[in-house]
Amino acid sequence: MKTSEIFSRAGNIAAKPLKEIDSQKLNEVFDDLKRRTQKSFQLTQRAKGVLPNGSQHTLPLSNPYPFFMNKGAGSRLQDVDGNDYVDYILSGGAIILGHNDEGLTNTIQDLLQNKTNFHGHFDELEIEAAEKVIDFFPSIEKVRFTSSGSEANSGAIKIARAVTGKKKLIKFLGHYHGWASEYLMDVEVPGSGKFVTNGIPDEHMDQTVLVPPNDLNALEEAFKANELSGGIAAVICEPYGAESGLVPIDEDFNEQAIALTHKYGALYIFDEVVTGFRLGKGGAQQRLNVTPDLTTLGKGLMNGFPSCGAIGGKKEYMDAANISIPYAHPYTYIAGTLSGNTLSMAACNYVVNRLATTNLLEQAEATASDLTTKLNALFSEYNSDFFAYNYGNILRVELTAPHAVSLTSAEALNEVVQRRKVLSNYSAIVSSAGVLSRNGRDFVSCAQTIEDNDKYVLAYEKLLNSFVK
């Protein structure tokens, strides 16, 4: 689906009143979920006593309360009450091979039995994992492993500043790059500004310049306007747009933006934390046929194993990353006790090698395309404005289009909040049919099947049949 069509159809949804679920049907669903998930309810009450707000996670469903999971295999999860689900949330994209992939599990068990999970010293696995990543991505010549995608993005801007000698960062409206202070402005919903920045002093955000995506004139004006106040060190971008394509970027925008960025002596950073292993071999950069200066990775890099992140790029840039006293230029200090630890490197080595040497990613994309086709047929059958599309094995189902609301007033922001809030009720209906779908921001793993897709479609048909007539 073309970017122009996505914007047009999302705008059409945002211009219409929300589709409301029949209150009686919603109450019946909640009653049924509560009856089937008593252990999850009890654990939620315990969590509220020891965890801030009772949760440490943004990804799982929380309506009527979070479901606590017990085990998983392939595309399936089972909660502590014994309920089975087909999982399309997949830890926000971290689970690429499927839950508890047998080969990965065996690799880690072998590591624990014959080596160690962590020794804090050098290990050949670090080299092997880096070599796999370099072979996978055309623009990467050296790799610095980190403990998360957020940490990778923070490290990338430090490298860019060290290399260019400039201070400021350009970030596109709505793009998400983790929860670091300099990135947390204007996330997910373009124009939302400092809506979620409580706890961050304004001066921590002063070096971040916000620019609308798909606007080359605004991008160039931002470069010009900041030349005398520290200059722009880097532009950071989600290659397919905010929320990995929920607010898509024009097909040729990155290529032109990179040329403009280089014109002003800055580096272009591709945040491929999500897209890196979901667009096929070579990531988004290969599919878009562009070459970023730096690339950040996470999530699918290790199929859910922790301390998962990496920065990669050209040798002359990456060599700025250092953990010793400044003895070379350019230089920036990037450390981390668990970065490149043995367990994470074993997981990375296995996952990237498996994706690179099989056709699993092609199969997962075909499965995602099958689901997209079936969903759009369903929506058409019900004369619904909802629509679905996929980039590789990233699945997007547009339901209420909060990001398409023009943020021109406080009332408009309230409209965005309401449109996001109602999505949790939609997801509750879907989960009651045995499918985990995060408000339509979903993923397909290499373990997903056509039968799983059919169950997903039936769950969304249940949603369509729950609306007020």
Protein backbone atom coordinates (compact mmCIF):
# COMPACT_ATOMS: atom_id res chain seq x y z
CA MET A 1 0.00 0.00 0.00
CA LYS A 2 1.41 3.39 -1.02
CA THR A 3 2.15 6.07 1.57
CA SER A 4 -0.38 8.44 0.00
CA GLU A 5 -3.16 5.85 0.31
CA ILE A 6 -2.28 5.14 3.96
CA PHE A 7 -2.45 8.84 4.82
CA SER A 8 -5.70 9.29 2.93
CA ARG A 9 -7.45 6.33 4.51
CA ALA A 10 -6.17 7.15 8.02
CA GLY A 11 -7.39 10.73 7.58
CA ASN A 12 -10.78 9.41 6.57
CA ILE A 13 -11.01 7.36 9.79
CA ALA A 14 -9.87 10.30 11.93
CA ALA A 15 -12.52 12.55 10.39
CA LYS A 16 -15.35 10.26 11.50
CA PRO A 17 -16.74 9.52 14.97
CA LEU A 18 -15.19 6.60 16.84
CA LYS A 19 -16.75 3.20 16.37
CA GLU A 20 -18.20 2.40 19.78
CA ILE A 21 -18.49 -1.12 21.15
CA ASP A 22 -21.93 -2.15 22.36
CA SER A 23 -21.73 -1.79 26.17
CA GLN A 24 -23.57 -5.04 26.84
CA LYS A 25 -21.22 -7.01 24.56
CA LEU A 26 -18.17 -5.34 26.11
CA ASN A 27 -19.36 -6.17 29.62
CA GLU A 28 -19.95 -9.78 28.58
CA VAL A 29 -16.40 -9.97 27.24
CA PHE A 30 -14.95 -8.48 30.43
CA ASP A 31 -16.98 -10.87 32.59
CA ASP A 32 -15.74 -13.81 30.53
CA LEU A 33 -12.11 -12.68 30.66
CA LYS A 34 -12.26 -12.12 34.40
CA ARG A 35 -13.76 -15.56 34.91
CA ARG A 36 -10.98 -17.20 32.87
CA THR A 37 -8.04 -15.20 34.28
CA GLN A 38 -8.38 -15.27 38.06
CA LYS A 39 -4.69 -16.01 38.67
CA SER A 40 -3.70 -13.06 36.49
CA PHE A 41 -6.02 -10.85 38.54
CA GLN A 42 -4.47 -12.04 41.81
CA LEU A 43 -0.95 -11.46 40.48
CA THR A 44 -1.96 -7.99 39.29
CA GLN A 45 -3.03 -7.13 42.82
CA ARG A 46 0.32 -8.33 44.17
CA ALA A 47 2.20 -6.36 41.51
CA LYS A 48 0.46 -3.14 42.52
CA GLY A 49 2.01 -3.50 45.95
CA VAL A 50 5.61 -3.76 44.79
CA LEU A 51 5.87 -2.28 41.26
CA PRO A 52 5.18 1.37 40.36
CA ASN A 53 1.63 1.43 38.98
CA GLY A 54 1.74 -2.37 39.04
CA SER A 55 3.61 -2.73 35.74
CA GLN A 56 7.05 -2.45 34.16
CA HIS A 57 5.95 -3.12 30.59
CA THR A 58 4.35 -0.98 27.88
CA LEU A 59 3.62 -3.75 25.39
CA PRO A 60 1.25 -6.28 27.01
CA LEU A 61 -2.51 -5.76 27.06
CA SER A 62 -3.88 -4.34 30.33
CA ASN A 63 -7.65 -4.40 29.88
CA PRO A 64 -9.26 -5.48 32.16
CA TYR A 65 -5.79 -6.12 33.68
CA PRO A 66 -2.50 -7.62 32.44
CA PHE A 67 -2.45 -11.33 31.61
CA PHE A 68 0.49 -13.07 33.25
CA MET A 69 2.11 -15.58 30.92
CA ASN A 70 3.47 -18.94 31.91
CA LYS A 71 5.00 -20.51 28.81
CA GLY A 72 5.25 -20.23 25.06
CA ALA A 73 6.19 -22.16 21.97
CA GLY A 74 6.34 -20.94 18.39
CA SER A 75 3.48 -18.53 17.75
CA ARG A 76 1.59 -19.49 20.92
CA LEU A 77 1.54 -18.34 24.54
CA GLN A 78 -0.25 -19.79 27.54
CA ASP A 79 -1.15 -17.70 30.57
CA VAL A 80 -1.00 -18.74 34.22
CA ASP A 81 -4.67 -19.75 34.10
CA GLY A 82 -4.05 -22.15 31.20
CA ASN A 83 -5.61 -20.00 28.46
CA ASP A 84 -3.96 -20.30 25.04
CA TYR A 85 -3.32 -17.39 22.68
CA VAL A 86 -1.85 -16.81 19.25
CA ASP A 87 0.68 -14.02 19.87
CA TYR A 88 0.98 -11.23 17.32
CA ILE A 89 2.42 -8.71 19.79
CA LEU A 90 5.64 -10.73 20.01
CA SER A 91 7.26 -8.45 22.59
CA GLY A 92 6.89 -5.46 20.31
CA GLY A 93 8.83 -7.21 17.57
CA ALA A 94 11.59 -8.78 19.68
CA ILE A 95 10.37 -12.34 19.06
CA ILE A 96 11.32 -12.93 15.42
CA LEU A 97 11.92 -16.70 15.33
CA GLY A 98 8.99 -17.51 17.62
CA HIS A 99 8.78 -18.26 21.32
CA ASN A 100 11.36 -20.70 22.71
CA ASP A 101 12.91 -21.50 19.35
CA GLU A 102 14.37 -24.99 19.82
CA GLY A 103 17.71 -24.30 18.16
CA LEU A 104 18.25 -21.12 20.16
CA THR A 105 17.27 -22.84 23.40
CA ASN A 106 19.75 -25.65 22.69
CA THR A 107 22.47 -23.10 21.94
CA ILE A 108 21.95 -21.34 25.27
CA GLN A 109 21.74 -24.62 27.19
CA ASP A 110 25.02 -25.74 25.64
CA LEU A 111 26.58 -22.41 26.61
CA LEU A 112 25.46 -22.75 30.22
CA GLN A 113 26.59 -26.37 30.51
CA ASN A 114 29.98 -25.97 28.87
CA LYS A 115 30.96 -22.35 29.31
CA THR A 116 29.23 -19.62 31.32
CA ASN A 117 26.37 -17.18 31.02
CA PHE A 118 28.65 -14.24 31.87
CA HIS A 119 32.32 -13.91 32.69
CA GLY A 120 33.01 -10.22 32.14
CA HIS A 121 36.05 -10.90 29.97
CA PHE A 122 36.62 -11.10 26.23
CA ASP A 123 35.05 -13.97 24.35
CA GLU A 124 35.29 -15.14 20.74
CA LEU A 125 31.49 -15.07 20.58
CA GLU A 126 31.68 -11.25 20.51
CA ILE A 127 33.68 -11.38 17.30
CA GLU A 128 31.47 -14.02 15.71
CA ALA A 129 28.29 -12.09 16.54
CA ALA A 130 29.74 -8.85 15.17
CA GLU A 131 30.79 -10.62 11.96
CA LYS A 132 27.25 -11.95 11.51
CA VAL A 133 25.75 -8.47 11.93
CA ILE A 134 28.27 -6.93 9.52
CA ASP A 135 27.47 -9.57 6.91
CA PHE A 136 23.73 -8.93 7.32
CA PHE A 137 23.71 -5.13 6.90
CA PRO A 138 25.37 -3.50 3.86
CA SER A 139 26.30 -0.24 5.63
CA ILE A 140 27.89 -1.71 8.77
CA GLU A 141 31.66 -2.18 9.00
CA LYS A 142 32.07 -2.27 12.79
CA VAL A 143 29.66 -2.98 15.66
CA ARG A 144 29.38 -1.79 19.26
CA PHE A 145 26.98 -3.89 21.29
CA THR A 146 24.80 -2.21 23.93
CA SER A 147 22.21 -3.37 26.44
CA SER A 148 19.09 -2.05 24.65
CA GLY A 149 17.85 -0.27 21.55
CA SER A 150 17.35 2.89 23.58
CA GLU A 151 20.98 2.72 24.71
CA ALA A 152 22.09 2.15 21.13
CA ASN A 153 20.34 5.33 20.01
CA SER A 154 21.92 7.33 22.83
CA GLY A 155 25.33 5.98 21.83
CA ALA A 156 24.77 6.76 18.16
CA ILE A 157 24.16 10.45 18.78
CA LYS A 158 27.27 10.62 20.99
CA ILE A 159 29.31 9.13 18.16
CA ALA A 160 27.80 11.61 15.69
CA ARG A 161 28.65 14.53 17.94
CA ALA A 162 32.20 13.28 18.45
CA VAL A 163 32.72 12.78 14.70
CA THR A 164 31.18 16.05 13.50
CA GLY A 165 32.09 18.32 16.40
CA LYS A 166 28.50 19.62 16.33
CA LYS A 167 25.86 19.54 19.05
CA LYS A 168 22.28 19.26 17.91
CA LEU A 169 20.06 16.42 16.79
CA ILE A 170 17.20 16.49 14.30
CA LYS A 171 14.31 14.18 15.16
CA PHE A 172 11.18 13.74 13.05
CA LEU A 173 7.78 14.36 14.60
CA GLY A 174 6.15 11.22 15.98
CA HIS A 175 9.25 9.02 15.71
CA TYR A 176 10.19 6.90 18.72
CA HIS A 177 13.81 6.17 19.59
CA GLY A 178 13.56 5.04 23.19
CA TRP A 179 13.07 6.84 26.46
CA ALA A 180 16.30 8.85 26.73
CA SER A 181 15.76 12.55 27.50
CA GLU A 182 16.84 13.87 24.11
CA TYR A 183 14.56 11.50 22.18
CA LEU A 184 11.34 11.49 24.16
CA MET A 185 9.84 14.64 22.70
CA ASP A 186 7.01 14.20 20.23
CA VAL A 187 6.64 10.44 20.19
CA GLU A 188 4.09 8.31 18.33
CA VAL A 189 1.61 11.12 17.60
CA PRO A 190 3.13 13.86 15.38
CA GLY A 191 2.75 17.25 17.04
CA SER A 192 2.39 15.91 20.60
CA GLY A 193 5.51 17.81 21.69
CA LYS A 194 6.36 17.49 25.39
CA PHE A 195 3.22 15.55 26.28
CA VAL A 196 5.16 12.67 27.92
CA THR A 197 8.32 14.51 29.01
CA ASN A 198 7.55 15.10 32.68
CA GLY A 199 10.71 14.56 34.71
CA ILE A 200 13.00 15.85 31.95
CA PRO A 201 14.41 19.39 32.35
CA ASP A 202 13.82 21.56 29.30
CA GLU A 203 17.54 22.16 28.89
CA HIS A 204 18.03 18.42 28.30
CA MET A 205 15.80 18.73 25.25
CA ASP A 206 17.17 22.03 23.95
CA GLN A 207 19.63 20.27 21.65
CA THR A 208 16.85 18.34 19.88
CA VAL A 209 15.27 19.97 16.83
CA LEU A 210 11.87 18.68 15.73
CA VAL A 211 11.09 18.52 12.02
CA PRO A 212 7.99 17.20 10.21
CA PRO A 213 8.68 13.99 8.26
CA ASN A 214 8.32 14.07 4.48
CA ASP A 215 9.25 17.77 4.41
CA LEU A 216 12.65 18.39 2.83
CA ASN A 217 12.23 22.16 2.93
CA ALA A 218 11.63 22.09 6.69
CA LEU A 219 14.64 19.79 7.09
CA GLU A 220 16.93 22.19 5.24
CA GLU A 221 15.57 25.18 7.15
CA ALA A 222 16.40 23.36 10.40
CA PHE A 223 20.00 22.90 9.25
CA LYS A 224 20.31 26.57 8.29
CA ALA A 225 18.67 27.87 11.46
CA ASN A 226 21.06 25.98 13.73
CA GLU A 227 24.38 26.53 11.96
CA LEU A 228 25.40 29.31 14.36
CA SER A 229 24.11 27.68 17.56
CA GLY A 230 26.11 24.46 17.69
CA GLY A 231 25.17 22.98 14.33
CA ILE A 232 23.38 19.73 13.55
CA ALA A 233 25.41 16.60 14.31
CA ALA A 234 22.88 14.04 13.13
CA VAL A 235 19.43 13.26 11.82
CA ILE A 236 17.80 10.17 13.33
CA CYS A 237 14.97 8.41 11.57
CA GLU A 238 12.71 5.37 11.72
CA PRO A 239 13.21 4.26 8.11
CA TYR A 240 9.54 3.48 7.45
CA GLY A 241 8.14 6.24 9.62
CA ALA A 242 6.79 6.62 13.13
CA GLU A 243 5.89 3.40 14.92
CA SER A 244 7.53 1.40 12.14
CA GLY A 245 5.19 2.58 9.41
CA LEU A 246 2.10 3.62 11.35
CA VAL A 247 2.83 7.16 10.10
CA PRO A 248 4.78 6.23 6.98
CA ILE A 249 7.58 8.08 5.23
CA ASP A 250 7.38 8.82 1.51
CA GLU A 251 9.10 6.18 -0.59
CA ASP A 252 11.98 8.43 -1.73
CA PHE A 253 12.29 10.67 1.32
CA ASN A 254 15.24 8.95 3.04
CA GLU A 255 17.44 9.07 -0.05
CA GLN A 256 16.89 12.81 -0.44
CA ALA A 257 17.18 13.46 3.29
CA ILE A 258 20.54 11.66 3.45
CA ALA A 259 21.90 13.80 0.60
CA LEU A 260 20.72 16.94 2.39
CA THR A 261 22.18 15.79 5.70
CA HIS A 262 25.58 15.20 4.13
CA LYS A 263 25.43 18.60 2.45
CA TYR A 264 25.48 20.17 5.93
CA GLY A 265 28.17 17.87 7.32
CA ALA A 266 25.90 15.78 9.56
CA LEU A 267 25.40 12.02 9.91
CA TYR A 268 22.18 10.16 9.11
CA ILE A 269 21.16 7.51 11.68
CA PHE A 270 18.77 4.71 10.81
CA ASP A 271 16.94 3.46 13.88
CA GLU A 272 16.45 -0.16 12.80
CA VAL A 273 15.71 -1.42 16.31
CA VAL A 274 12.38 -2.70 14.96
CA THR A 275 12.91 -2.90 11.20
CA GLY A 276 16.40 -4.44 11.26
CA PHE A 277 15.28 -8.06 11.03
CA ARG A 278 11.74 -7.62 9.73
CA LEU A 279 12.29 -6.29 6.21
CA GLY A 280 14.38 -9.19 4.97
CA LYS A 281 18.13 -9.60 4.71
CA GLY A 282 19.85 -6.24 4.89
CA GLY A 283 17.05 -4.59 6.82
CA ALA A 284 15.18 -1.48 5.76
CA GLN A 285 18.32 0.05 4.28
CA GLN A 286 18.68 -2.79 1.81
CA ARG A 287 15.03 -2.66 0.79
CA LEU A 288 15.08 1.12 0.42
CA ASN A 289 18.47 0.99 -1.31
CA VAL A 290 19.96 3.72 0.88
CA THR A 291 23.11 3.85 3.00
CA PRO A 292 22.85 5.43 6.46
CA ASP A 293 26.01 6.49 8.27
CA LEU A 294 25.04 4.76 11.51
CA THR A 295 22.49 2.03 12.23
CA THR A 296 20.99 1.11 15.58
CA LEU A 297 19.63 -2.36 16.33
CA GLY A 298 17.76 -4.22 19.07
CA LYS A 299 14.69 -6.42 19.59
CA GLY A 300 14.92 -9.20 16.97
CA LEU A 301 18.71 -9.13 17.17
CA MET A 302 18.53 -11.77 19.92
CA ASN A 303 14.93 -13.06 19.74
CA GLY A 304 14.03 -11.62 23.12
CA PHE A 305 17.21 -12.39 25.05
CA PRO A 306 18.32 -9.46 27.24
CA SER A 307 21.14 -6.93 26.87
CA CYS A 308 19.99 -6.59 23.29
CA GLY A 309 21.21 -3.63 21.28
CA ALA A 310 23.92 -2.53 18.89
CA ILE A 311 25.31 0.45 17.00
CA GLY A 312 26.91 -0.17 13.63
CA GLY A 313 28.41 1.92 10.87
CA LYS A 314 31.49 2.95 8.97
CA LYS A 315 34.84 2.18 10.62
CA GLU A 316 35.93 5.81 10.82
CA TYR A 317 32.78 6.68 12.77
CA MET A 318 32.57 3.59 14.96
CA ASP A 319 36.17 3.87 16.11
CA ALA A 320 35.11 6.98 18.03
CA ALA A 321 33.32 4.70 20.51
CA ASN A 322 35.74 4.04 23.35
CA ILE A 323 35.93 2.78 26.93
CA SER A 324 39.33 4.15 27.91
CA ILE A 325 40.80 7.59 28.56
CA PRO A 326 40.78 9.96 25.56
CA TYR A 327 43.86 9.19 23.53
CA ALA A 328 42.44 9.50 20.03
CA HIS A 329 40.17 11.80 18.07
CA PRO A 330 37.26 11.57 17.52
CA TYR A 331 36.40 10.10 20.92
CA THR A 332 33.30 9.42 23.01
CA TYR A 333 32.93 7.23 26.08
CA ILE A 334 30.44 4.37 25.69
CA ALA A 335 30.52 1.67 28.36
CA GLY A 336 28.29 -1.01 29.91
CA THR A 337 29.07 -4.00 32.12
CA LEU A 338 26.63 -6.27 30.29
CA SER A 339 27.30 -5.01 26.77
CA GLY A 340 28.51 -7.88 24.62
CA ASN A 341 28.06 -10.43 27.40
CA THR A 342 28.49 -14.09 26.57
CA LEU A 343 24.85 -15.14 26.75
CA SER A 344 23.66 -12.25 24.56
CA MET A 345 26.40 -12.85 22.02
CA ALA A 346 25.53 -16.53 21.77
CA ALA A 347 21.90 -15.59 21.15
CA CYS A 348 22.83 -12.93 18.59
CA ASN A 349 25.20 -15.26 16.78
CA TYR A 350 22.52 -17.94 16.46
CA VAL A 351 19.60 -15.66 15.52
CA VAL A 352 21.35 -13.56 12.88
CA ASN A 353 22.99 -16.60 11.32
CA ARG A 354 19.65 -18.42 11.12
CA LEU A 355 17.92 -15.46 9.51
CA ALA A 356 20.77 -14.94 7.07
CA THR A 357 21.13 -18.55 5.91
CA THR A 358 17.48 -19.59 5.54
CA ASN A 359 14.37 -18.30 3.79
CA LEU A 360 12.53 -17.81 7.08
CA LEU A 361 12.19 -14.05 6.60
CA GLU A 362 10.72 -14.53 3.14
CA GLN A 363 8.23 -17.01 4.60
CA ALA A 364 7.27 -14.65 7.42
CA GLU A 365 6.68 -11.82 4.95
CA ALA A 366 4.46 -14.10 2.85
CA THR A 367 2.50 -14.97 5.99
CA ALA A 368 2.11 -11.28 6.84
CA SER A 369 0.93 -10.52 3.30
CA ASP A 370 -1.60 -13.36 3.54
CA LEU A 371 -2.97 -11.85 6.75
CA THR A 372 -3.12 -8.36 5.24
CA THR A 373 -5.12 -9.64 2.27
CA LYS A 374 -7.56 -11.55 4.47
CA LEU A 375 -8.08 -8.64 6.86
CA ASN A 376 -8.78 -6.16 4.07
CA ALA A 377 -11.26 -8.59 2.55
CA LEU A 378 -12.99 -8.86 5.93
CA PHE A 379 -13.12 -5.08 6.39
CA SER A 380 -14.50 -4.67 2.88
CA GLU A 381 -17.17 -7.30 3.55
CA TYR A 382 -18.33 -5.33 6.60
CA ASN A 383 -18.11 -1.95 4.81
CA SER A 384 -15.60 -0.85 7.45
CA ASP A 385 -13.08 1.96 7.07
CA PHE A 386 -10.49 -0.16 8.88
CA PHE A 387 -7.56 -1.30 6.75
CA ALA A 388 -4.36 -3.33 7.05
CA TYR A 389 -0.94 -3.23 5.41
CA ASN A 390 2.47 -4.73 6.03
CA TYR A 391 6.11 -3.84 5.57
CA GLY A 392 7.92 -7.17 5.47
CA ASN A 393 6.61 -9.01 8.53
CA ILE A 394 5.56 -5.81 10.31
CA LEU A 395 1.76 -5.70 10.40
CA ARG A 396 -0.26 -2.52 10.83
CA VAL A 397 -4.05 -2.52 11.25
CA GLU A 398 -5.54 0.98 11.24
CA LEU A 399 -8.59 1.23 13.50
CA THR A 400 -9.00 4.69 15.06
CA ALA A 401 -6.11 6.71 13.51
CA PRO A 402 -5.22 8.88 16.53
CA HIS A 403 -2.02 10.00 14.82
CA ALA A 404 -4.04 11.39 11.91
CA VAL A 405 -5.84 13.92 14.13
CA SER A 406 -4.47 17.41 13.50
CA LEU A 407 -3.16 18.71 16.83
CA THR A 408 -4.32 22.31 16.61
CA SER A 409 -5.94 22.64 20.06
CA ALA A 410 -6.31 21.09 23.50
CA GLU A 411 -9.57 19.56 22.30
CA ALA A 412 -7.72 17.85 19.48
CA LEU A 413 -5.24 16.36 21.96
CA ASN A 414 -8.16 15.06 24.00
CA GLU A 415 -9.49 13.48 20.82
CA VAL A 416 -6.16 11.71 20.32
CA VAL A 417 -6.21 10.43 23.90
CA GLN A 418 -9.77 9.14 23.47
CA ARG A 419 -8.94 7.42 20.19
CA ARG A 420 -5.98 5.67 21.81
CA LYS A 421 -8.01 4.76 24.88
CA VAL A 422 -10.77 3.03 22.94
CA LEU A 423 -8.18 0.80 21.29
CA SER A 424 -7.71 -1.02 24.59
CA ASN A 425 -11.37 -2.05 24.46
CA TYR A 426 -10.91 -3.21 20.89
CA SER A 427 -7.92 -5.32 21.93
CA ALA A 428 -9.90 -6.82 24.82
CA ILE A 429 -12.49 -8.10 22.34
CA VAL A 430 -9.73 -9.58 20.18
CA SER A 431 -7.93 -11.19 23.12
CA SER A 432 -11.18 -12.79 24.27
CA ALA A 433 -11.06 -14.71 20.98
CA GLY A 434 -7.60 -16.07 21.82
CA VAL A 435 -5.48 -13.59 19.87
CA LEU A 436 -2.97 -11.11 21.32
CA SER A 437 -3.01 -7.96 19.17
CA ARG A 438 -1.63 -4.64 20.41
CA ASN A 439 -4.11 -2.18 18.99
CA GLY A 440 -3.20 -3.24 15.47
CA ARG A 441 0.54 -2.56 15.95
CA ASP A 442 1.47 -6.14 15.37
CA PHE A 443 4.15 -8.45 14.01
CA VAL A 444 4.42 -11.84 12.33
CA SER A 445 7.15 -14.21 13.47
CA CYS A 446 8.84 -16.94 11.48
CA ALA A 447 6.70 -19.40 13.48
CA GLN A 448 3.32 -17.94 12.48
CA THR A 449 1.10 -20.08 10.23
CA ILE A 450 -1.82 -19.56 7.87
CA GLU A 451 -4.03 -21.19 10.51
CA ASP A 452 -2.85 -18.57 13.02
CA ASN A 453 -3.82 -15.88 10.51
CA ASP A 454 -7.29 -17.34 10.15
CA LYS A 455 -7.74 -17.18 13.91
CA TYR A 456 -6.58 -13.54 13.87
CA VAL A 457 -9.16 -12.70 11.20
CA LEU A 458 -11.93 -14.40 13.18
CA ALA A 459 -10.94 -12.38 16.26
CA TYR A 460 -11.25 -9.14 14.29
CA GLU A 461 -14.58 -10.32 12.90
CA LYS A 462 -15.73 -10.68 16.51
CA LEU A 463 -14.68 -7.06 17.03
CA LEU A 464 -16.64 -5.89 13.99
CA ASN A 465 -19.71 -7.70 15.29
CA SER A 466 -19.36 -5.99 18.68
CA PHE A 467 -19.96 -2.44 17.50
CA VAL A 468 -23.12 -0.49 18.14
CA LYS A 469 -25.37 -0.99 15.12
